[in-house]
C-alpha cells in the first residue's frame, strides 16, 4: 500500500477511535479519568484500529 493509502487508513483509524471514545465520554468522566489517561486511551485505540485495518487490507506478507 502506498503512502497515500496508509495515510487514509490512519485517518480512518483516528476518526473511529475518536468516535468510540467520545461516544462513551460520560463513562470516562464518570470514573474521573485525567486528560492524560484519555489521551493515552485514544492513542492506543487508534493504533490498534490502524494495525487491524492494515492487516485486513494488506494481509500477510511473505
N, C-alpha and C. Protein backbone atom coordinates (compact mmCIF):
# COMPACT_ATOMS: atom_id res chain seq x y z
N UNK A 1 0.85 -1.16 0.00
CA UNK A 1 0.00 0.00 0.00
C UNK A 1 0.90 1.23 0.00
N UNK A 2 0.56 2.19 -0.82
CA UNK A 2 1.35 3.40 -0.94
C UNK A 2 1.19 4.31 0.26
N UNK A 3 1.96 5.39 0.24
CA UNK A 3 1.91 6.35 1.33
C UNK A 3 0.54 6.99 1.49
N UNK A 4 -0.12 7.24 0.35
CA UNK A 4 -1.44 7.86 0.42
C UNK A 4 -2.47 6.91 1.03
N UNK A 5 -2.39 5.63 0.69
CA UNK A 5 -3.32 4.64 1.25
C UNK A 5 -3.13 4.48 2.74
N UNK A 6 -1.88 4.46 3.18
CA UNK A 6 -1.62 4.33 4.62
C UNK A 6 -2.08 5.57 5.37
N UNK A 7 -1.91 6.73 4.74
CA UNK A 7 -2.37 7.96 5.36
C UNK A 7 -3.89 7.96 5.51
N UNK A 8 -4.59 7.50 4.49
CA UNK A 8 -6.04 7.42 4.55
C UNK A 8 -6.47 6.42 5.63
N UNK A 9 -5.78 5.30 5.70
CA UNK A 9 -6.10 4.28 6.70
C UNK A 9 -5.86 4.81 8.11
N UNK A 10 -4.79 5.56 8.30
CA UNK A 10 -4.52 6.15 9.61
C UNK A 10 -5.59 7.17 9.97
N UNK A 11 -6.03 7.95 9.01
CA UNK A 11 -7.09 8.94 9.26
C UNK A 11 -8.38 8.25 9.68
N UNK A 12 -8.73 7.17 9.00
CA UNK A 12 -9.93 6.42 9.36
C UNK A 12 -9.80 5.83 10.75
N UNK A 13 -8.63 5.30 11.08
CA UNK A 13 -8.42 4.71 12.41
C UNK A 13 -8.55 5.77 13.50
N UNK A 14 -8.00 6.95 13.27
CA UNK A 14 -8.08 8.02 14.26
C UNK A 14 -9.53 8.47 14.43
N UNK A 15 -10.26 8.60 13.34
CA UNK A 15 -11.66 9.02 13.42
C UNK A 15 -12.52 7.99 14.16
N UNK A 16 -12.28 6.71 13.89
CA UNK A 16 -13.04 5.67 14.58
C UNK A 16 -12.70 5.67 16.07
N UNK A 17 -11.42 5.81 16.40
CA UNK A 17 -11.02 5.86 17.82
C UNK A 17 -11.65 7.07 18.50
N UNK A 18 -11.64 8.21 17.83
CA UNK A 18 -12.25 9.43 18.37
C UNK A 18 -13.74 9.20 18.63
N UNK A 19 -14.42 8.59 17.69
CA UNK A 19 -15.85 8.34 17.85
C UNK A 19 -16.12 7.36 18.99
N UNK A 20 -15.34 6.27 19.06
CA UNK A 20 -15.55 5.28 20.12
C UNK A 20 -15.35 5.87 21.51
N UNK A 21 -14.34 6.69 21.66
CA UNK A 21 -14.06 7.25 22.98
C UNK A 21 -15.10 8.30 23.34
N UNK A 22 -15.39 9.21 22.43
CA UNK A 22 -16.27 10.31 22.78
C UNK A 22 -17.75 9.95 22.73
N UNK A 23 -18.09 8.81 22.15
CA UNK A 23 -19.47 8.36 22.24
C UNK A 23 -19.75 7.80 23.64
N UNK A 24 -18.71 7.45 24.35
CA UNK A 24 -18.81 6.92 25.71
C UNK A 24 -18.22 7.88 26.73
N UNK A 25 -18.08 9.13 26.38
CA UNK A 25 -17.36 10.09 27.21
C UNK A 25 -17.93 10.20 28.61
N UNK A 26 -19.24 10.10 28.76
CA UNK A 26 -19.80 10.26 30.10
C UNK A 26 -19.30 9.18 31.05
N UNK A 27 -18.95 7.99 30.53
CA UNK A 27 -18.40 6.94 31.38
C UNK A 27 -16.95 7.25 31.74
N UNK A 28 -16.20 7.82 30.81
CA UNK A 28 -14.80 8.16 31.09
C UNK A 28 -14.74 9.26 32.15
N UNK A 29 -15.58 10.26 32.03
CA UNK A 29 -15.60 11.34 33.02
C UNK A 29 -16.13 10.82 34.35
N UNK A 30 -17.08 9.90 34.29
CA UNK A 30 -17.69 9.36 35.50
C UNK A 30 -16.67 8.64 36.38
N UNK A 31 -15.71 7.96 35.77
CA UNK A 31 -14.68 7.27 36.56
C UNK A 31 -13.52 8.20 36.88
N UNK A 32 -13.69 9.49 36.55
CA UNK A 32 -12.73 10.53 36.89
C UNK A 32 -11.35 10.27 36.28
N UNK A 33 -11.32 10.01 35.00
CA UNK A 33 -10.07 9.83 34.29
C UNK A 33 -9.45 11.19 33.99
N UNK A 34 -8.14 11.26 34.11
CA UNK A 34 -7.46 12.52 33.81
C UNK A 34 -7.34 12.68 32.30
N UNK A 35 -6.98 13.88 31.89
CA UNK A 35 -6.81 14.15 30.46
C UNK A 35 -5.72 13.26 29.86
N UNK A 36 -4.65 13.04 30.62
CA UNK A 36 -3.56 12.18 30.14
C UNK A 36 -4.02 10.74 29.90
N UNK A 37 -4.86 10.23 30.79
CA UNK A 37 -5.37 8.88 30.63
C UNK A 37 -6.28 8.77 29.41
N UNK A 38 -7.11 9.78 29.17
CA UNK A 38 -7.97 9.79 27.99
C UNK A 38 -7.12 9.86 26.73
N UNK A 39 -6.07 10.68 26.76
CA UNK A 39 -5.18 10.80 25.59
C UNK A 39 -4.47 9.49 25.30
N UNK A 40 -3.99 8.81 26.33
CA UNK A 40 -3.33 7.52 26.14
C UNK A 40 -4.31 6.49 25.58
N UNK A 41 -5.52 6.47 26.11
CA UNK A 41 -6.54 5.56 25.60
C UNK A 41 -6.83 5.82 24.13
N UNK A 42 -6.93 7.09 23.76
CA UNK A 42 -7.18 7.48 22.37
C UNK A 42 -6.06 7.01 21.45
N UNK A 43 -4.82 7.22 21.85
CA UNK A 43 -3.67 6.84 21.02
C UNK A 43 -3.59 5.32 20.88
N UNK A 44 -3.76 4.59 21.97
CA UNK A 44 -3.69 3.13 21.91
C UNK A 44 -4.81 2.57 21.05
N UNK A 45 -6.01 3.10 21.20
CA UNK A 45 -7.13 2.62 20.40
C UNK A 45 -6.94 2.92 18.92
N UNK A 46 -6.41 4.09 18.60
CA UNK A 46 -6.14 4.45 17.20
C UNK A 46 -5.09 3.52 16.60
N UNK A 47 -4.06 3.19 17.35
CA UNK A 47 -3.00 2.29 16.84
C UNK A 47 -3.56 0.89 16.62
N UNK A 48 -4.36 0.40 17.54
CA UNK A 48 -4.95 -0.93 17.40
C UNK A 48 -5.87 -0.99 16.18
N UNK A 49 -6.69 0.03 16.00
CA UNK A 49 -7.59 0.06 14.84
C UNK A 49 -6.78 0.15 13.56
N UNK A 50 -5.73 0.99 13.54
CA UNK A 50 -4.88 1.12 12.36
C UNK A 50 -4.23 -0.21 12.00
N UNK A 51 -3.66 -0.89 12.98
CA UNK A 51 -3.00 -2.16 12.70
C UNK A 51 -3.99 -3.23 12.23
N UNK A 52 -5.18 -3.23 12.81
CA UNK A 52 -6.20 -4.18 12.39
C UNK A 52 -6.65 -3.93 10.96
N UNK A 53 -6.91 -2.66 10.62
CA UNK A 53 -7.30 -2.33 9.24
C UNK A 53 -6.18 -2.61 8.25
N UNK A 54 -4.96 -2.32 8.65
CA UNK A 54 -3.79 -2.57 7.78
C UNK A 54 -3.66 -4.07 7.52
N UNK A 55 -3.87 -4.88 8.55
CA UNK A 55 -3.79 -6.33 8.39
C UNK A 55 -4.90 -6.84 7.47
N UNK A 56 -6.11 -6.29 7.61
CA UNK A 56 -7.22 -6.71 6.75
C UNK A 56 -6.98 -6.35 5.29
N UNK A 57 -6.44 -5.17 5.07
CA UNK A 57 -6.24 -4.70 3.69
C UNK A 57 -5.02 -5.36 3.05
N UNK A 58 -3.90 -5.40 3.77
CA UNK A 58 -2.67 -5.93 3.19
C UNK A 58 -2.53 -7.44 3.34
N UNK A 59 -3.12 -8.00 4.35
CA UNK A 59 -2.96 -9.44 4.58
C UNK A 59 -1.56 -9.74 5.05
N UNK A 60 -1.22 -11.00 5.05
CA UNK A 60 0.12 -11.41 5.46
C UNK A 60 1.10 -11.22 4.33
N UNK A 61 2.24 -10.69 4.67
CA UNK A 61 3.30 -10.53 3.68
C UNK A 61 4.30 -11.66 3.87
N UNK A 62 4.82 -12.20 2.78
CA UNK A 62 5.78 -13.31 2.91
C UNK A 62 7.09 -12.90 3.51
